[in-house]
Amino acid sequence: MNDHPDAATRGARISARAKGGVSSLAQRVVESERIRARLLRSSQFVDWLTTDPDVRHTLSAAESFRAPFHAETRLGPSDPTMEVDVEVGAEQLDAAFERVRATWETVGVDEPFWSVLSADQYKRDQLADTAEFYASGEFHVDHLDALLRRNGVDVAAVESCMEFGCGVGRMTVWLARRFAQVTGCDISRPHLDLARAEIDRRGLDNIELLHVADKDGLGALPQVDLVYSVIVLQHNPPPIMAFILGRLLASVRPGGHAVIQLPTYDRRYHFSIDEYLAPESVDGILMHVLPQPDVFAIIRDAGCELLEVYADHLAGMEPKTMSNTFVVRRPA
């Protein structure tokens, strides 16, 4: 038996005590450099920190927690340029698409819920009830709503929304409560089958699901008022991220918007398409980066304008890394 609780469990314990002030356990997190270092490298802790307002206030307000964190993670002029292949040949792009599709189809059969939220409680042998899993998607949709309003978007006037990388429908079912028509797209048919089952169980009739397995599928995406994609593009190699981003922006109607998250910097990261496609390369769910200058160029080439870009930590909090959410508008 493992006597050491994971980050989510530690977070829950702190959360239960945080409203009355800094608990003794929370204080340990604030004061201990070792605990901070371990927690900041945990995506579970990041999710808990960003979704629990009481704990976020308690910890982020503490200078001993905040200052070392910023010192360890913020980028500076001395951080090097990444070596990343973004522009590749058509055959290489097709091969990369096929590799991503095969990976996600496999994990969609083996561990579909864990592949979306990589916490042990969402593995098949531990997941008795999916209610908590699906409930976690509401926060992201509330955040989307607030983000759009902050950028002057009349959310009530947004009729159609396309979620790219909808997976098993964790956020899709909540988007369907906000928008008249929702399209959920994913590369994995097993994930889409589970999404359809949950959609039908909830009696939602305003969601269309699309299986997008290759470049041709991306060329057939519908025109919508809003494109939304979070914690999805980061699991695609840079050439595919760039290709998808361009196609997603092309799907935004005049006057419409896109909210898209992806990692833009990791000091340790490099990407070679030849290495990626080599038979001996590592399979599985990988974290990738698309450099921010490439993102800006794709937005510009798509004829769109950038309204906001901010650091979101949705790819974790490893030192010298950056994940950004981009709010984009296509002029009317």
Protein backbone atom coordinates (compact mmCIF):
# COMPACT_ATOMS: atom_id res chain seq x y z
CA MET A 1 0.00 0.00 0.00
CA ASN A 2 1.26 3.48 -0.90
CA ASP A 3 1.28 5.62 2.24
CA HIS A 4 2.10 8.83 0.33
CA PRO A 5 -1.04 10.61 -0.95
CA ASP A 6 -0.96 11.94 -4.49
CA ALA A 7 -1.20 15.65 -5.26
CA ALA A 8 -4.97 15.56 -5.74
CA THR A 9 -5.44 13.97 -2.31
CA ARG A 10 -3.10 16.50 -0.69
CA GLY A 11 -5.04 19.23 -2.44
CA ALA A 12 -8.37 17.94 -1.16
CA ARG A 13 -7.04 17.82 2.41
CA ILE A 14 -5.79 21.40 2.22
CA SER A 15 -8.99 22.54 0.51
CA ALA A 16 -11.13 21.15 3.32
CA ARG A 17 -9.26 23.31 5.85
CA ALA A 18 -8.39 26.41 3.87
CA LYS A 19 -11.47 28.58 4.46
CA GLY A 20 -10.52 29.32 8.05
CA GLY A 21 -7.06 30.55 7.08
CA VAL A 22 -3.77 28.86 6.32
CA SER A 23 -3.98 25.35 7.80
CA SER A 24 -0.93 23.63 9.20
CA LEU A 25 -0.74 21.44 6.10
CA ALA A 26 -1.15 24.38 3.74
CA GLN A 27 1.53 26.19 5.71
CA ARG A 28 3.86 23.26 5.11
CA VAL A 29 3.24 23.63 1.38
CA VAL A 30 3.97 27.36 1.59
CA GLU A 31 7.15 26.92 3.63
CA SER A 32 8.67 23.72 2.21
CA GLU A 33 10.80 24.10 -0.90
CA ARG A 34 10.81 20.32 -1.41
CA ILE A 35 7.01 20.03 -1.26
CA ARG A 36 6.59 23.04 -3.55
CA ALA A 37 8.96 21.57 -6.11
CA ARG A 38 7.07 18.26 -6.20
CA LEU A 39 3.61 19.82 -6.32
CA LEU A 40 4.42 22.34 -9.04
CA ARG A 41 5.45 19.47 -11.31
CA SER A 42 2.10 17.69 -10.87
CA SER A 43 -0.69 18.31 -13.36
CA GLN A 44 -3.16 17.08 -10.71
CA PHE A 45 -1.98 19.80 -8.32
CA VAL A 46 -2.20 22.40 -11.09
CA ASP A 47 -5.80 21.37 -11.83
CA TRP A 48 -6.71 21.54 -8.15
CA LEU A 49 -4.95 24.87 -7.65
CA THR A 50 -6.70 26.45 -10.62
CA THR A 51 -10.19 25.16 -9.79
CA ASP A 52 -10.39 25.67 -6.00
CA PRO A 53 -10.65 29.41 -5.28
CA ASP A 54 -10.09 29.11 -1.53
CA VAL A 55 -6.87 27.14 -1.86
CA ARG A 56 -5.68 29.23 -4.79
CA HIS A 57 -6.07 32.39 -2.70
CA THR A 58 -4.37 30.85 0.34
CA LEU A 59 -1.31 29.61 -1.51
CA SER A 60 -0.88 32.17 -4.26
CA ALA A 61 -1.10 35.03 -1.72
CA ALA A 62 1.84 33.65 0.23
CA GLU A 63 5.06 35.37 -0.88
CA SER A 64 7.14 32.35 0.15
CA PHE A 65 5.12 30.23 -2.29
CA ARG A 66 4.68 32.76 -5.09
CA ALA A 67 8.14 34.32 -5.37
CA PRO A 68 10.17 31.10 -5.68
CA PHE A 69 7.62 29.78 -8.15
CA HIS A 70 7.98 32.78 -10.42
CA ALA A 71 11.76 32.76 -10.09
CA GLU A 72 11.90 29.13 -11.15
CA THR A 73 9.46 29.27 -14.04
CA ARG A 74 9.48 32.67 -15.70
CA LEU A 75 11.26 33.02 -19.02
CA GLY A 76 14.00 35.54 -19.65
CA PRO A 77 16.08 36.88 -22.55
CA SER A 78 18.80 34.32 -21.90
CA ASP A 79 16.48 31.33 -22.47
CA PRO A 80 17.41 29.74 -25.81
CA THR A 81 15.42 29.32 -28.97
CA MET A 82 13.98 25.83 -29.38
CA GLU A 83 14.93 23.72 -32.39
CA VAL A 84 11.55 22.64 -33.73
CA ASP A 85 10.53 21.27 -37.14
CA VAL A 86 7.21 22.94 -37.98
CA GLU A 87 7.16 22.88 -41.78
CA VAL A 88 7.44 19.31 -43.10
CA GLY A 89 6.61 17.42 -46.29
CA ALA A 90 3.13 16.15 -47.12
CA GLU A 91 4.07 12.50 -46.67
CA GLN A 92 5.69 13.21 -43.32
CA LEU A 93 2.62 15.11 -42.19
CA ASP A 94 0.36 12.22 -43.21
CA ALA A 95 2.58 9.74 -41.36
CA ALA A 96 2.52 11.90 -38.24
CA PHE A 97 -1.26 12.13 -38.37
CA GLU A 98 -1.51 8.36 -38.62
CA ARG A 99 0.76 7.89 -35.64
CA VAL A 100 -1.29 10.29 -33.50
CA ARG A 101 -4.53 8.62 -34.60
CA ALA A 102 -3.23 5.14 -33.75
CA THR A 103 -2.06 6.29 -30.31
CA TRP A 104 -5.39 7.84 -29.38
CA GLU A 105 -7.49 5.02 -30.79
CA THR A 106 -5.49 2.61 -28.64
CA VAL A 107 -5.76 4.63 -25.45
CA GLY A 108 -9.43 5.24 -26.26
CA VAL A 109 -9.99 1.52 -25.87
CA ASP A 110 -7.62 0.91 -22.96
CA GLU A 111 -7.95 4.01 -20.75
CA PRO A 112 -10.35 6.55 -22.28
CA PHE A 113 -11.11 8.61 -19.15
CA TRP A 114 -7.56 8.56 -17.79
CA SER A 115 -6.33 9.76 -21.18
CA VAL A 116 -8.37 12.94 -20.64
CA LEU A 117 -7.53 13.48 -16.96
CA SER A 118 -4.41 11.55 -16.01
CA ALA A 119 -5.29 10.86 -12.38
CA ASP A 120 -5.37 7.29 -11.10
CA GLN A 121 -9.02 7.53 -10.03
CA TYR A 122 -9.99 7.77 -13.70
CA LYS A 123 -8.38 4.48 -14.69
CA ARG A 124 -10.77 1.72 -15.72
CA ASP A 125 -10.05 -0.48 -12.73
CA GLN A 126 -10.80 2.36 -10.29
CA LEU A 127 -13.56 4.31 -12.04
CA ALA A 128 -16.89 3.09 -10.67
CA ASP A 129 -18.87 6.23 -11.52
CA THR A 130 -18.16 8.89 -14.14
CA ALA A 131 -20.29 11.61 -12.50
CA GLU A 132 -17.31 13.39 -10.90
CA PHE A 133 -15.32 13.12 -14.10
CA TYR A 134 -18.00 14.81 -16.19
CA ALA A 135 -18.75 17.40 -13.50
CA SER A 136 -15.15 18.62 -13.77
CA GLY A 137 -15.84 19.93 -17.27
CA GLU A 138 -18.21 22.65 -16.07
CA PHE A 139 -15.38 24.76 -14.64
CA HIS A 140 -13.68 25.04 -18.02
CA VAL A 141 -16.89 26.16 -19.71
CA ASP A 142 -17.53 28.73 -16.98
CA HIS A 143 -13.98 29.96 -17.54
CA LEU A 144 -14.60 30.15 -21.31
CA ASP A 145 -17.73 32.21 -20.70
CA ALA A 146 -15.88 34.67 -18.46
CA LEU A 147 -12.95 34.91 -20.86
CA LEU A 148 -15.20 35.75 -23.79
CA ARG A 149 -17.06 38.40 -21.81
CA ARG A 150 -13.76 39.96 -20.71
CA ASN A 151 -12.91 40.38 -24.39
CA GLY A 152 -16.20 42.08 -25.21
CA VAL A 153 -17.97 39.07 -26.73
CA ASP A 154 -21.76 38.94 -26.47
CA VAL A 155 -21.94 35.31 -25.38
CA ALA A 156 -25.72 35.22 -25.77
CA ALA A 157 -25.27 35.95 -29.49
CA VAL A 158 -22.95 32.97 -30.01
CA GLU A 159 -25.10 30.24 -31.54
CA SER A 160 -22.66 27.62 -32.76
CA CYS A 161 -19.55 26.23 -31.06
CA MET A 162 -17.04 23.64 -32.24
CA GLU A 163 -14.92 21.86 -29.66
CA PHE A 164 -11.82 20.33 -31.17
CA GLY A 165 -10.55 17.34 -29.25
CA CYS A 166 -13.80 16.68 -27.41
CA GLY A 167 -12.69 13.22 -26.25
CA VAL A 168 -15.43 11.51 -24.25
CA GLY A 169 -17.47 14.72 -24.02
CA ARG A 170 -16.32 16.02 -20.63
CA MET A 171 -16.71 19.66 -21.70
CA THR A 172 -19.02 19.05 -24.65
CA VAL A 173 -22.05 18.30 -22.49
CA TRP A 174 -21.58 21.62 -20.69
CA LEU A 175 -21.02 23.56 -23.90
CA ALA A 176 -24.39 22.21 -25.07
CA ARG A 177 -26.04 24.06 -22.17
CA ARG A 178 -24.58 27.39 -23.36
CA PHE A 179 -24.85 27.23 -27.15
CA ALA A 180 -27.66 26.28 -29.51
CA GLN A 181 -25.48 24.01 -31.66
CA VAL A 182 -22.29 22.24 -30.60
CA THR A 183 -19.96 20.17 -32.78
CA GLY A 184 -17.51 17.89 -31.03
CA CYS A 185 -14.50 16.70 -33.05
CA ASP A 186 -11.96 14.07 -32.16
CA ILE A 187 -9.35 11.86 -33.81
CA SER A 188 -10.35 8.80 -31.76
CA ARG A 189 -13.53 6.92 -32.58
CA PRO A 190 -13.56 5.01 -29.26
CA HIS A 191 -13.58 8.33 -27.39
CA LEU A 192 -16.42 9.58 -29.60
CA ASP A 193 -18.44 6.43 -28.94
CA LEU A 194 -18.25 7.11 -25.20
CA ALA A 195 -19.12 10.76 -25.78
CA ARG A 196 -22.19 9.73 -27.74
CA ALA A 197 -23.30 7.40 -24.97
CA GLU A 198 -23.04 10.19 -22.38
CA ILE A 199 -24.79 12.68 -24.64
CA ASP A 200 -27.67 10.27 -25.20
CA ARG A 201 -27.85 9.45 -21.49
CA ARG A 202 -28.32 13.16 -20.77
CA GLY A 203 -30.90 13.55 -23.53
CA LEU A 204 -28.96 16.30 -25.33
CA ASP A 205 -30.08 16.78 -28.92
CA ASN A 206 -27.96 19.76 -30.02
CA ILE A 207 -24.58 18.04 -30.35
CA GLU A 208 -23.04 16.65 -33.52
CA LEU A 209 -19.91 14.50 -33.28
CA LEU A 210 -17.32 14.36 -36.05
CA HIS A 211 -14.52 11.84 -36.44
CA VAL A 212 -11.52 13.80 -37.77
CA ALA A 213 -8.81 11.24 -38.48
CA ASP A 214 -6.67 12.99 -41.10
CA LYS A 215 -6.00 16.17 -43.06
CA ASP A 216 -9.06 15.66 -45.26
CA GLY A 217 -11.29 15.60 -42.20
CA LEU A 218 -9.84 18.90 -41.04
CA GLY A 219 -10.68 20.39 -44.41
CA ALA A 220 -14.36 19.53 -43.90
CA LEU A 221 -14.89 21.26 -40.56
CA PRO A 222 -18.05 23.39 -40.29
CA GLN A 223 -18.15 27.16 -40.11
CA VAL A 224 -19.03 28.24 -36.57
CA ASP A 225 -19.27 31.30 -34.34
CA LEU A 226 -16.81 29.92 -31.78
CA VAL A 227 -13.95 27.42 -31.90
CA TYR A 228 -12.76 26.01 -28.57
CA SER A 229 -9.84 23.69 -27.83
CA VAL A 230 -8.12 23.16 -24.47
CA ILE A 231 -5.52 20.54 -23.38
CA VAL A 232 -5.71 18.94 -26.84
CA LEU A 233 -3.24 20.40 -29.33
CA GLN A 234 -0.39 19.87 -26.89
CA HIS A 235 -0.52 16.12 -27.57
CA ASN A 236 0.19 16.61 -31.28
CA PRO A 237 3.66 17.17 -32.76
CA PRO A 238 4.36 20.75 -33.91
CA PRO A 239 3.68 20.24 -37.65
CA ILE A 240 0.25 18.83 -36.82
CA MET A 241 -0.42 21.52 -34.22
CA ALA A 242 0.33 24.17 -36.82
CA PHE A 243 -1.81 22.48 -39.47
CA ILE A 244 -4.75 22.03 -37.08
CA LEU A 245 -4.53 25.60 -35.80
CA GLY A 246 -4.74 26.95 -39.33
CA ARG A 247 -7.78 24.80 -40.12
CA LEU A 248 -9.51 25.73 -36.88
CA LEU A 249 -9.09 29.43 -37.55
CA ALA A 250 -10.39 28.92 -41.08
CA SER A 251 -13.59 27.53 -39.51
CA VAL A 252 -14.36 30.75 -37.64
CA ARG A 253 -17.12 32.77 -39.26
CA PRO A 254 -16.63 36.51 -39.86
CA GLY A 255 -17.19 38.22 -36.52
CA GLY A 256 -16.60 34.93 -34.70
CA HIS A 257 -13.95 33.90 -32.18
CA ALA A 258 -11.57 31.13 -31.24
CA VAL A 259 -10.21 30.23 -27.80
CA ILE A 260 -7.30 27.82 -28.16
CA GLN A 261 -4.69 26.61 -25.68
CA LEU A 262 -1.31 25.12 -26.47
CA PRO A 263 2.24 25.06 -25.02
CA THR A 264 4.59 27.58 -26.62
CA TYR A 265 7.88 27.04 -24.79
CA ASP A 266 9.86 24.36 -23.00
CA ARG A 267 13.55 24.94 -22.52
CA ARG A 268 14.25 21.19 -22.77
CA TYR A 269 12.11 20.60 -25.86
CA HIS A 270 13.22 19.97 -29.40
CA PHE A 271 11.42 18.27 -32.25
CA SER A 272 12.77 16.53 -35.34
CA ILE A 273 10.23 14.98 -37.69
CA ASP A 274 12.73 12.30 -38.69
CA GLU A 275 13.28 11.32 -35.07
CA TYR A 276 9.55 11.34 -34.39
CA LEU A 277 8.76 9.02 -37.31
CA ALA A 278 11.69 6.68 -36.67
CA PRO A 279 10.59 3.12 -35.75
CA GLU A 280 12.49 3.23 -32.47
CA SER A 281 10.91 6.47 -31.24
CA VAL A 282 8.74 6.50 -28.13
CA ASP A 283 5.00 5.90 -28.47
CA GLY A 284 2.27 7.08 -26.13
CA ILE A 285 0.68 10.36 -25.09
CA LEU A 286 3.43 12.95 -25.48
CA MET A 287 3.62 16.65 -24.66
CA HIS A 288 4.63 18.91 -27.54
CA VAL A 289 5.27 22.60 -28.10
CA LEU A 290 4.50 25.03 -30.92
CA PRO A 291 6.73 28.14 -30.66
CA GLN A 292 4.80 31.34 -30.07
CA PRO A 293 6.15 33.14 -33.18
CA ASP A 294 4.67 30.34 -35.29
CA VAL A 295 1.32 30.72 -33.52
CA PHE A 296 1.30 34.47 -34.20
CA ALA A 297 2.19 33.87 -37.88
CA ILE A 298 -0.64 31.34 -38.30
CA ILE A 299 -3.14 33.75 -36.74
CA ARG A 300 -1.96 36.52 -39.04
CA ASP A 301 -1.99 34.34 -42.16
CA ALA A 302 -5.53 33.20 -41.33
CA GLY A 303 -6.70 36.81 -41.50
CA CYS A 304 -7.56 36.88 -37.80
CA GLU A 305 -6.63 39.25 -35.00
CA LEU A 306 -5.33 38.40 -31.56
CA LEU A 307 -7.41 39.81 -28.71
CA GLU A 308 -5.61 38.25 -25.75
CA VAL A 309 -2.89 35.78 -24.87
CA TYR A 310 -2.16 34.69 -21.34
CA ALA A 311 -0.19 32.05 -19.44
CA ASP A 312 -2.55 29.32 -18.27
CA HIS A 313 -0.34 26.56 -16.77
CA LEU A 314 -2.59 23.93 -18.38
CA ALA A 315 0.46 21.96 -19.52
CA GLY A 316 1.91 21.83 -15.99
CA MET A 317 4.28 24.10 -14.11
CA GLU A 318 7.68 22.73 -14.97
CA PRO A 319 10.41 25.39 -14.78
CA LYS A 320 11.07 27.33 -17.97
CA THR A 321 7.90 26.19 -19.70
CA MET A 322 4.97 28.18 -21.03
CA SER A 323 1.44 27.27 -22.02
CA ASN A 324 -0.79 29.98 -23.45
CA THR A 325 -4.46 30.46 -24.18
CA PHE A 326 -5.10 32.58 -27.28
CA VAL A 327 -8.31 34.53 -27.79
CA VAL A 328 -8.69 35.25 -31.49
CA ARG A 329 -11.30 37.10 -33.56
CA ARG A 330 -12.05 36.99 -37.26
CA PRO A 331 -13.05 40.48 -38.38
CA ALA A 332 -16.62 40.81 -39.62
